[in-house]
N, C-alpha and C. Protein backbone atom coordinates (compact mmCIF):
# COMPACT_ATOMS: atom_id res chain seq x y z
N UNK A 1 -2.25 -9.48 1.02
CA UNK A 1 -1.67 -8.78 -0.10
C UNK A 1 -0.17 -8.61 0.12
N UNK A 2 0.56 -8.77 -0.96
CA UNK A 2 2.00 -8.52 -0.92
C UNK A 2 2.40 -7.83 -2.22
N UNK A 3 3.39 -6.96 -2.15
CA UNK A 3 3.88 -6.35 -3.40
C UNK A 3 4.46 -7.43 -4.30
N UNK A 4 4.29 -7.29 -5.60
CA UNK A 4 4.90 -8.25 -6.53
C UNK A 4 6.41 -8.18 -6.38
N UNK A 5 7.05 -9.31 -6.58
CA UNK A 5 8.50 -9.43 -6.32
C UNK A 5 9.36 -8.51 -7.18
N UNK A 6 8.94 -8.22 -8.39
CA UNK A 6 9.77 -7.41 -9.28
C UNK A 6 9.55 -5.90 -9.12
N UNK A 7 8.67 -5.49 -8.23
CA UNK A 7 8.37 -4.08 -8.02
C UNK A 7 9.46 -3.43 -7.18
N UNK A 8 9.99 -2.32 -7.65
CA UNK A 8 11.00 -1.56 -6.89
C UNK A 8 10.28 -0.48 -6.10
N UNK A 9 10.56 -0.42 -4.79
CA UNK A 9 9.93 0.56 -3.89
C UNK A 9 11.02 1.33 -3.18
N UNK A 10 11.03 2.66 -3.39
CA UNK A 10 12.04 3.47 -2.70
C UNK A 10 11.45 4.03 -1.41
N UNK A 11 12.31 4.46 -0.52
CA UNK A 11 11.87 5.05 0.75
C UNK A 11 11.15 6.37 0.54
N UNK A 12 11.36 7.01 -0.60
CA UNK A 12 10.72 8.30 -0.87
C UNK A 12 9.35 8.17 -1.52
N UNK A 13 8.92 6.90 -1.75
CA UNK A 13 7.60 6.70 -2.31
C UNK A 13 7.54 6.47 -3.79
N UNK A 14 8.69 6.33 -4.42
CA UNK A 14 8.73 6.06 -5.85
C UNK A 14 8.61 4.56 -6.06
N UNK A 15 7.68 4.15 -6.92
CA UNK A 15 7.48 2.74 -7.22
C UNK A 15 7.67 2.55 -8.72
N UNK A 16 8.43 1.52 -9.07
CA UNK A 16 8.67 1.22 -10.47
C UNK A 16 8.30 -0.23 -10.75
N UNK A 17 7.50 -0.42 -11.80
CA UNK A 17 7.12 -1.75 -12.24
C UNK A 17 7.89 -2.04 -13.53
N UNK A 18 8.96 -2.84 -13.46
CA UNK A 18 9.77 -3.10 -14.65
C UNK A 18 9.04 -3.90 -15.73
N UNK A 19 8.00 -4.62 -15.35
CA UNK A 19 7.23 -5.40 -16.33
C UNK A 19 6.49 -4.51 -17.32
N UNK A 20 6.03 -3.35 -16.83
CA UNK A 20 5.24 -2.45 -17.67
C UNK A 20 5.98 -1.16 -17.99
N UNK A 21 7.01 -0.83 -17.20
CA UNK A 21 7.71 0.44 -17.37
C UNK A 21 7.01 1.59 -16.67
N UNK A 22 5.92 1.28 -15.96
CA UNK A 22 5.16 2.32 -15.25
C UNK A 22 5.85 2.69 -13.94
N UNK A 23 5.73 3.95 -13.57
CA UNK A 23 6.22 4.40 -12.28
C UNK A 23 5.12 5.19 -11.58
N UNK A 24 5.17 5.19 -10.26
CA UNK A 24 4.16 5.82 -9.43
C UNK A 24 4.84 6.50 -8.25
N UNK A 25 4.14 7.44 -7.66
CA UNK A 25 4.62 8.07 -6.44
C UNK A 25 3.53 7.95 -5.38
N UNK A 26 3.93 7.50 -4.20
CA UNK A 26 2.99 7.37 -3.09
C UNK A 26 3.27 8.42 -2.03
N UNK A 27 2.23 8.78 -1.30
CA UNK A 27 2.42 9.66 -0.15
C UNK A 27 2.94 8.82 1.02
N UNK A 28 3.35 9.43 2.13
CA UNK A 28 3.93 8.67 3.24
C UNK A 28 3.02 7.56 3.79
N UNK A 29 1.74 7.79 3.85
CA UNK A 29 0.83 6.76 4.37
C UNK A 29 0.75 5.59 3.37
N UNK A 30 0.73 5.89 2.09
CA UNK A 30 0.72 4.84 1.08
C UNK A 30 1.96 3.98 1.17
N UNK A 31 3.12 4.61 1.37
CA UNK A 31 4.37 3.87 1.53
C UNK A 31 4.27 2.97 2.76
N UNK A 32 3.78 3.55 3.85
CA UNK A 32 3.67 2.80 5.10
C UNK A 32 2.79 1.56 4.92
N UNK A 33 1.66 1.72 4.25
CA UNK A 33 0.75 0.59 4.03
C UNK A 33 1.39 -0.44 3.12
N UNK A 34 2.06 -0.01 2.08
CA UNK A 34 2.72 -0.96 1.19
C UNK A 34 3.81 -1.74 1.93
N UNK A 35 4.52 -1.08 2.82
CA UNK A 35 5.54 -1.77 3.62
C UNK A 35 4.89 -2.74 4.62
N UNK A 36 3.69 -2.39 5.13
CA UNK A 36 2.95 -3.33 5.97
C UNK A 36 2.61 -4.59 5.16
N UNK A 37 2.21 -4.40 3.91
CA UNK A 37 1.92 -5.55 3.04
C UNK A 37 3.17 -6.41 2.87
N UNK A 38 4.29 -5.74 2.66
CA UNK A 38 5.56 -6.45 2.48
C UNK A 38 5.89 -7.29 3.71
N UNK A 39 5.53 -6.78 4.89
CA UNK A 39 5.75 -7.50 6.16
C UNK A 39 4.62 -8.47 6.49
N UNK A 40 3.68 -8.63 5.53
CA UNK A 40 2.54 -9.55 5.66
C UNK A 40 1.62 -9.23 6.83
N UNK A 41 1.46 -7.94 7.11
CA UNK A 41 0.53 -7.52 8.15
C UNK A 41 -0.90 -7.65 7.63
N UNK A 42 -1.80 -7.98 8.51
CA UNK A 42 -3.22 -8.12 8.17
C UNK A 42 -3.92 -6.78 8.35
N UNK A 43 -5.14 -6.68 7.78
CA UNK A 43 -5.90 -5.44 7.81
C UNK A 43 -6.03 -4.90 9.24
N UNK A 44 -6.35 -5.76 10.20
CA UNK A 44 -6.58 -5.30 11.58
C UNK A 44 -5.35 -4.62 12.16
N UNK A 45 -4.18 -5.19 11.91
CA UNK A 45 -2.93 -4.60 12.40
C UNK A 45 -2.65 -3.25 11.72
N UNK A 46 -2.88 -3.21 10.41
CA UNK A 46 -2.65 -1.98 9.66
C UNK A 46 -3.59 -0.90 10.13
N UNK A 47 -4.89 -1.23 10.23
CA UNK A 47 -5.90 -0.24 10.66
C UNK A 47 -5.58 0.27 12.05
N UNK A 48 -5.26 -0.62 12.96
CA UNK A 48 -4.97 -0.22 14.34
C UNK A 48 -3.81 0.76 14.39
N UNK A 49 -2.75 0.47 13.66
CA UNK A 49 -1.57 1.35 13.63
C UNK A 49 -1.89 2.71 13.04
N UNK A 50 -2.56 2.72 11.89
CA UNK A 50 -2.87 3.98 11.20
C UNK A 50 -3.84 4.82 12.03
N UNK A 51 -4.85 4.19 12.61
CA UNK A 51 -5.84 4.94 13.40
C UNK A 51 -5.22 5.58 14.64
N UNK A 52 -4.23 4.91 15.22
CA UNK A 52 -3.54 5.46 16.40
C UNK A 52 -2.57 6.58 16.01
N UNK A 53 -1.94 6.42 14.86
CA UNK A 53 -0.88 7.33 14.46
C UNK A 53 -1.38 8.61 13.78
N UNK A 54 -2.50 8.52 13.05
CA UNK A 54 -2.98 9.65 12.28
C UNK A 54 -4.39 10.05 12.70
N UNK A 55 -4.74 11.29 12.40
CA UNK A 55 -6.05 11.82 12.74
C UNK A 55 -7.06 11.44 11.66
N UNK A 56 -7.54 10.19 11.74
CA UNK A 56 -8.50 9.68 10.77
C UNK A 56 -9.48 8.77 11.51
N UNK A 57 -10.74 8.80 11.08
CA UNK A 57 -11.71 7.91 11.71
C UNK A 57 -11.73 6.56 10.98
N UNK A 58 -12.29 5.55 11.61
CA UNK A 58 -12.26 4.18 11.08
C UNK A 58 -12.98 4.06 9.74
N UNK A 59 -14.09 4.73 9.57
CA UNK A 59 -14.85 4.63 8.32
C UNK A 59 -14.07 5.23 7.15
N UNK A 60 -13.48 6.39 7.37
CA UNK A 60 -12.69 7.04 6.32
C UNK A 60 -11.47 6.19 5.98
N UNK A 61 -10.80 5.67 7.00
CA UNK A 61 -9.64 4.82 6.74
C UNK A 61 -10.04 3.59 5.92
N UNK A 62 -11.11 2.93 6.32
CA UNK A 62 -11.53 1.72 5.62
C UNK A 62 -11.81 1.99 4.14
N UNK A 63 -12.54 3.05 3.86
CA UNK A 63 -12.85 3.40 2.47
C UNK A 63 -11.57 3.68 1.68
N UNK A 64 -10.70 4.52 2.24
CA UNK A 64 -9.45 4.87 1.56
C UNK A 64 -8.53 3.67 1.40
N UNK A 65 -8.51 2.79 2.39
CA UNK A 65 -7.68 1.58 2.34
C UNK A 65 -8.09 0.69 1.17
N UNK A 66 -9.39 0.43 1.05
CA UNK A 66 -9.85 -0.44 -0.03
C UNK A 66 -9.74 0.23 -1.40
N UNK A 67 -9.88 1.54 -1.46
CA UNK A 67 -9.64 2.27 -2.71
C UNK A 67 -8.16 2.14 -3.11
N UNK A 68 -7.28 2.24 -2.13
CA UNK A 68 -5.83 2.12 -2.37
C UNK A 68 -5.48 0.73 -2.87
N UNK A 69 -6.04 -0.29 -2.23
CA UNK A 69 -5.80 -1.67 -2.68
C UNK A 69 -6.26 -1.86 -4.11
N UNK A 70 -7.42 -1.33 -4.44
CA UNK A 70 -7.93 -1.47 -5.80
C UNK A 70 -7.01 -0.79 -6.81
N UNK A 71 -6.49 0.38 -6.46
CA UNK A 71 -5.56 1.07 -7.33
C UNK A 71 -4.28 0.25 -7.52
N UNK A 72 -3.78 -0.35 -6.45
CA UNK A 72 -2.59 -1.19 -6.55
C UNK A 72 -2.85 -2.40 -7.44
N UNK A 73 -4.01 -3.03 -7.27
CA UNK A 73 -4.37 -4.19 -8.10
C UNK A 73 -4.51 -3.79 -9.57
N UNK A 74 -5.19 -2.67 -9.82
CA UNK A 74 -5.40 -2.22 -11.19
C UNK A 74 -4.09 -1.96 -11.92
N UNK A 75 -3.05 -1.62 -11.16
CA UNK A 75 -1.75 -1.33 -11.75
C UNK A 75 -0.77 -2.49 -11.59
N UNK A 76 -1.29 -3.65 -11.21
CA UNK A 76 -0.48 -4.88 -11.08
C UNK A 76 0.72 -4.72 -10.16
N UNK A 77 0.51 -4.06 -9.03
CA UNK A 77 1.60 -3.83 -8.09
C UNK A 77 1.58 -4.78 -6.90
N UNK A 78 0.42 -5.43 -6.66
CA UNK A 78 0.31 -6.36 -5.54
C UNK A 78 -0.34 -7.65 -6.02
N UNK A 79 -0.19 -8.66 -5.20
CA UNK A 79 -0.83 -9.95 -5.45
C UNK A 79 -1.27 -10.56 -4.13
N UNK A 80 -2.18 -11.51 -4.20
CA UNK A 80 -2.61 -12.21 -2.98
C UNK A 80 -1.49 -13.12 -2.51
N UNK A 81 -1.46 -13.35 -1.22
CA UNK A 81 -0.42 -14.23 -0.66
C UNK A 81 -0.61 -15.65 -1.13
């Protein structure tokens, strides 16, 4: 997954899609994951980093990760590589 090229992402978590005019706000972990996508990190690398850095178990992370991806896809913010 990678963010679409026309998507504007600020360091504060504000995302703007100029194609639709929609804007979104992400929490710090959402920003971190989106930046991992931008760097073309794979799920295993992302999961390993998040599980070490935050107090979350693997099952909860996996569920939330795939829910987050679905939300990004539904809003046309990411695309497959």
